[in-house]
Amino acid sequence: MAKVLRCRDLGTNCPKEIRAENEEELMKLAAEHAEKDHGISASSIPPSMLGLVKAAIKDE
């Protein structure tokens, strides 16, 4: 089942929706989006934020 992450579900005013076939690919795409569009380096994302991101992933 495909997965979706809506950036606004993380408390941002960002309309981006990221879709992927699995959580691993979705997390990779989310990290790329965070860096490109929000200026957040993937290596600087704290574990607590990663937990929030994973909790916001929904089945599509």
N, C-alpha and C. Protein backbone atom coordinates (compact mmCIF):
# COMPACT_ATOMS: atom_id res chain seq x y z
N MET A 1 0.84 -1.18 0.00
CA MET A 1 0.00 0.00 0.00
C MET A 1 0.89 1.24 0.00
N ALA A 2 0.55 2.19 -0.84
CA ALA A 2 1.33 3.42 -0.95
C ALA A 2 1.21 4.25 0.32
N LYS A 3 2.20 5.09 0.55
CA LYS A 3 2.26 5.94 1.73
C LYS A 3 2.22 7.41 1.31
N VAL A 4 1.70 8.27 2.18
CA VAL A 4 1.65 9.70 1.91
C VAL A 4 2.03 10.47 3.18
N LEU A 5 2.74 11.57 2.97
CA LEU A 5 3.10 12.48 4.05
C LEU A 5 2.71 13.88 3.60
N ARG A 6 1.89 14.53 4.40
CA ARG A 6 1.47 15.90 4.12
C ARG A 6 2.25 16.82 5.04
N CYS A 7 3.03 17.70 4.45
CA CYS A 7 3.90 18.58 5.23
C CYS A 7 3.09 19.39 6.24
N ARG A 8 1.89 19.80 5.87
CA ARG A 8 1.06 20.60 6.79
C ARG A 8 0.68 19.82 8.06
N ASP A 9 0.69 18.49 7.98
CA ASP A 9 0.40 17.67 9.16
C ASP A 9 1.50 17.78 10.22
N LEU A 10 2.62 18.39 9.83
CA LEU A 10 3.73 18.58 10.77
C LEU A 10 3.77 20.01 11.31
N GLY A 11 2.67 20.74 11.09
CA GLY A 11 2.56 22.08 11.65
C GLY A 11 3.16 23.18 10.80
N THR A 12 3.41 22.88 9.53
CA THR A 12 3.96 23.91 8.64
C THR A 12 2.85 24.46 7.74
N ASN A 13 3.11 25.58 7.15
CA ASN A 13 2.19 26.16 6.18
C ASN A 13 2.70 25.80 4.78
N CYS A 14 2.86 24.52 4.55
CA CYS A 14 3.42 24.01 3.31
C CYS A 14 2.43 23.01 2.70
N PRO A 15 2.04 23.21 1.45
CA PRO A 15 1.05 22.34 0.82
C PRO A 15 1.62 21.03 0.25
N LYS A 16 2.91 20.81 0.39
CA LYS A 16 3.57 19.65 -0.24
C LYS A 16 3.00 18.34 0.31
N GLU A 17 2.70 17.44 -0.61
CA GLU A 17 2.31 16.07 -0.27
C GLU A 17 3.30 15.14 -0.95
N ILE A 18 3.89 14.27 -0.17
CA ILE A 18 4.91 13.36 -0.69
C ILE A 18 4.32 11.96 -0.68
N ARG A 19 4.45 11.28 -1.81
CA ARG A 19 3.93 9.92 -1.93
C ARG A 19 5.05 8.98 -2.35
N ALA A 20 4.98 7.76 -1.83
CA ALA A 20 5.95 6.73 -2.19
C ALA A 20 5.33 5.36 -1.93
N GLU A 21 5.98 4.34 -2.46
CA GLU A 21 5.48 2.98 -2.30
C GLU A 21 5.71 2.42 -0.91
N ASN A 22 6.72 2.95 -0.20
CA ASN A 22 7.01 2.43 1.13
C ASN A 22 7.58 3.54 2.01
N GLU A 23 7.67 3.28 3.30
CA GLU A 23 8.12 4.29 4.26
C GLU A 23 9.57 4.70 4.01
N GLU A 24 10.41 3.77 3.67
CA GLU A 24 11.83 4.08 3.44
C GLU A 24 11.99 5.10 2.31
N GLU A 25 11.31 4.87 1.20
CA GLU A 25 11.40 5.80 0.07
C GLU A 25 10.75 7.14 0.43
N LEU A 26 9.66 7.09 1.17
CA LEU A 26 8.99 8.32 1.58
C LEU A 26 9.90 9.17 2.47
N MET A 27 10.60 8.55 3.39
CA MET A 27 11.51 9.28 4.28
C MET A 27 12.64 9.92 3.47
N LYS A 28 13.12 9.24 2.46
CA LYS A 28 14.18 9.80 1.59
C LYS A 28 13.65 11.03 0.87
N LEU A 29 12.46 10.93 0.30
CA LEU A 29 11.87 12.06 -0.41
C LEU A 29 11.56 13.22 0.54
N ALA A 30 11.12 12.89 1.75
CA ALA A 30 10.82 13.92 2.74
C ALA A 30 12.10 14.67 3.14
N ALA A 31 13.19 13.95 3.29
CA ALA A 31 14.47 14.58 3.64
C ALA A 31 14.91 15.52 2.52
N GLU A 32 14.73 15.09 1.27
CA GLU A 32 15.08 15.94 0.13
C GLU A 32 14.22 17.21 0.12
N HIS A 33 12.94 17.05 0.40
CA HIS A 33 12.02 18.19 0.45
C HIS A 33 12.40 19.14 1.58
N ALA A 34 12.71 18.60 2.74
CA ALA A 34 13.09 19.44 3.89
C ALA A 34 14.31 20.29 3.56
N GLU A 35 15.27 19.69 2.88
CA GLU A 35 16.48 20.43 2.53
C GLU A 35 16.22 21.46 1.44
N LYS A 36 15.56 21.05 0.38
CA LYS A 36 15.34 21.93 -0.77
C LYS A 36 14.38 23.08 -0.45
N ASP A 37 13.26 22.76 0.18
CA ASP A 37 12.19 23.75 0.34
C ASP A 37 12.15 24.43 1.71
N HIS A 38 12.76 23.80 2.71
CA HIS A 38 12.73 24.38 4.05
C HIS A 38 14.11 24.72 4.60
N GLY A 39 15.16 24.39 3.84
CA GLY A 39 16.52 24.72 4.26
C GLY A 39 16.99 23.94 5.47
N ILE A 40 16.41 22.74 5.67
CA ILE A 40 16.78 21.90 6.81
C ILE A 40 17.61 20.73 6.29
N SER A 41 18.86 20.66 6.70
CA SER A 41 19.74 19.58 6.30
C SER A 41 19.26 18.27 6.92
N ALA A 42 19.22 17.23 6.13
CA ALA A 42 18.76 15.92 6.62
C ALA A 42 19.59 15.46 7.81
N SER A 43 20.88 15.78 7.81
CA SER A 43 21.74 15.35 8.91
C SER A 43 21.49 16.13 10.20
N SER A 44 20.78 17.25 10.11
CA SER A 44 20.54 18.05 11.31
C SER A 44 19.14 17.84 11.89
N ILE A 45 18.36 16.95 11.30
CA ILE A 45 17.02 16.68 11.81
C ILE A 45 17.15 15.81 13.07
N PRO A 46 16.66 16.31 14.21
CA PRO A 46 16.79 15.55 15.45
C PRO A 46 15.89 14.31 15.45
N PRO A 47 16.28 13.28 16.21
CA PRO A 47 15.48 12.05 16.28
C PRO A 47 14.03 12.30 16.68
N SER A 48 13.80 13.29 17.53
CA SER A 48 12.42 13.57 17.95
C SER A 48 11.57 14.03 16.75
N MET A 49 12.17 14.81 15.85
CA MET A 49 11.44 15.26 14.66
C MET A 49 11.22 14.10 13.70
N LEU A 50 12.19 13.22 13.59
CA LEU A 50 12.01 12.04 12.73
C LEU A 50 10.84 11.20 13.22
N GLY A 51 10.70 11.11 14.54
CA GLY A 51 9.57 10.37 15.11
C GLY A 51 8.24 11.01 14.74
N LEU A 52 8.18 12.34 14.76
CA LEU A 52 6.96 13.04 14.37
C LEU A 52 6.66 12.84 12.89
N VAL A 53 7.69 12.85 12.08
CA VAL A 53 7.51 12.63 10.64
C VAL A 53 6.96 11.23 10.41
N LYS A 54 7.56 10.24 11.03
CA LYS A 54 7.09 8.86 10.85
C LYS A 54 5.65 8.69 11.33
N ALA A 55 5.30 9.36 12.42
CA ALA A 55 3.93 9.28 12.94
C ALA A 55 2.92 9.95 11.99
N ALA A 56 3.36 10.90 11.19
CA ALA A 56 2.47 11.61 10.27
C ALA A 56 2.26 10.87 8.94
N ILE A 57 3.02 9.82 8.71
CA ILE A 57 2.87 9.04 7.47
C ILE A 57 1.57 8.25 7.52
N LYS A 58 0.81 8.35 6.46
CA LYS A 58 -0.47 7.65 6.38
C LYS A 58 -0.47 6.70 5.20
N ASP A 59 -1.29 5.66 5.30
CA ASP A 59 -1.53 4.78 4.15
C ASP A 59 -2.44 5.52 3.18
N GLU A 60 -2.17 5.32 1.91
CA GLU A 60 -2.99 6.01 0.92
C GLU A 60 -4.05 5.09 0.39
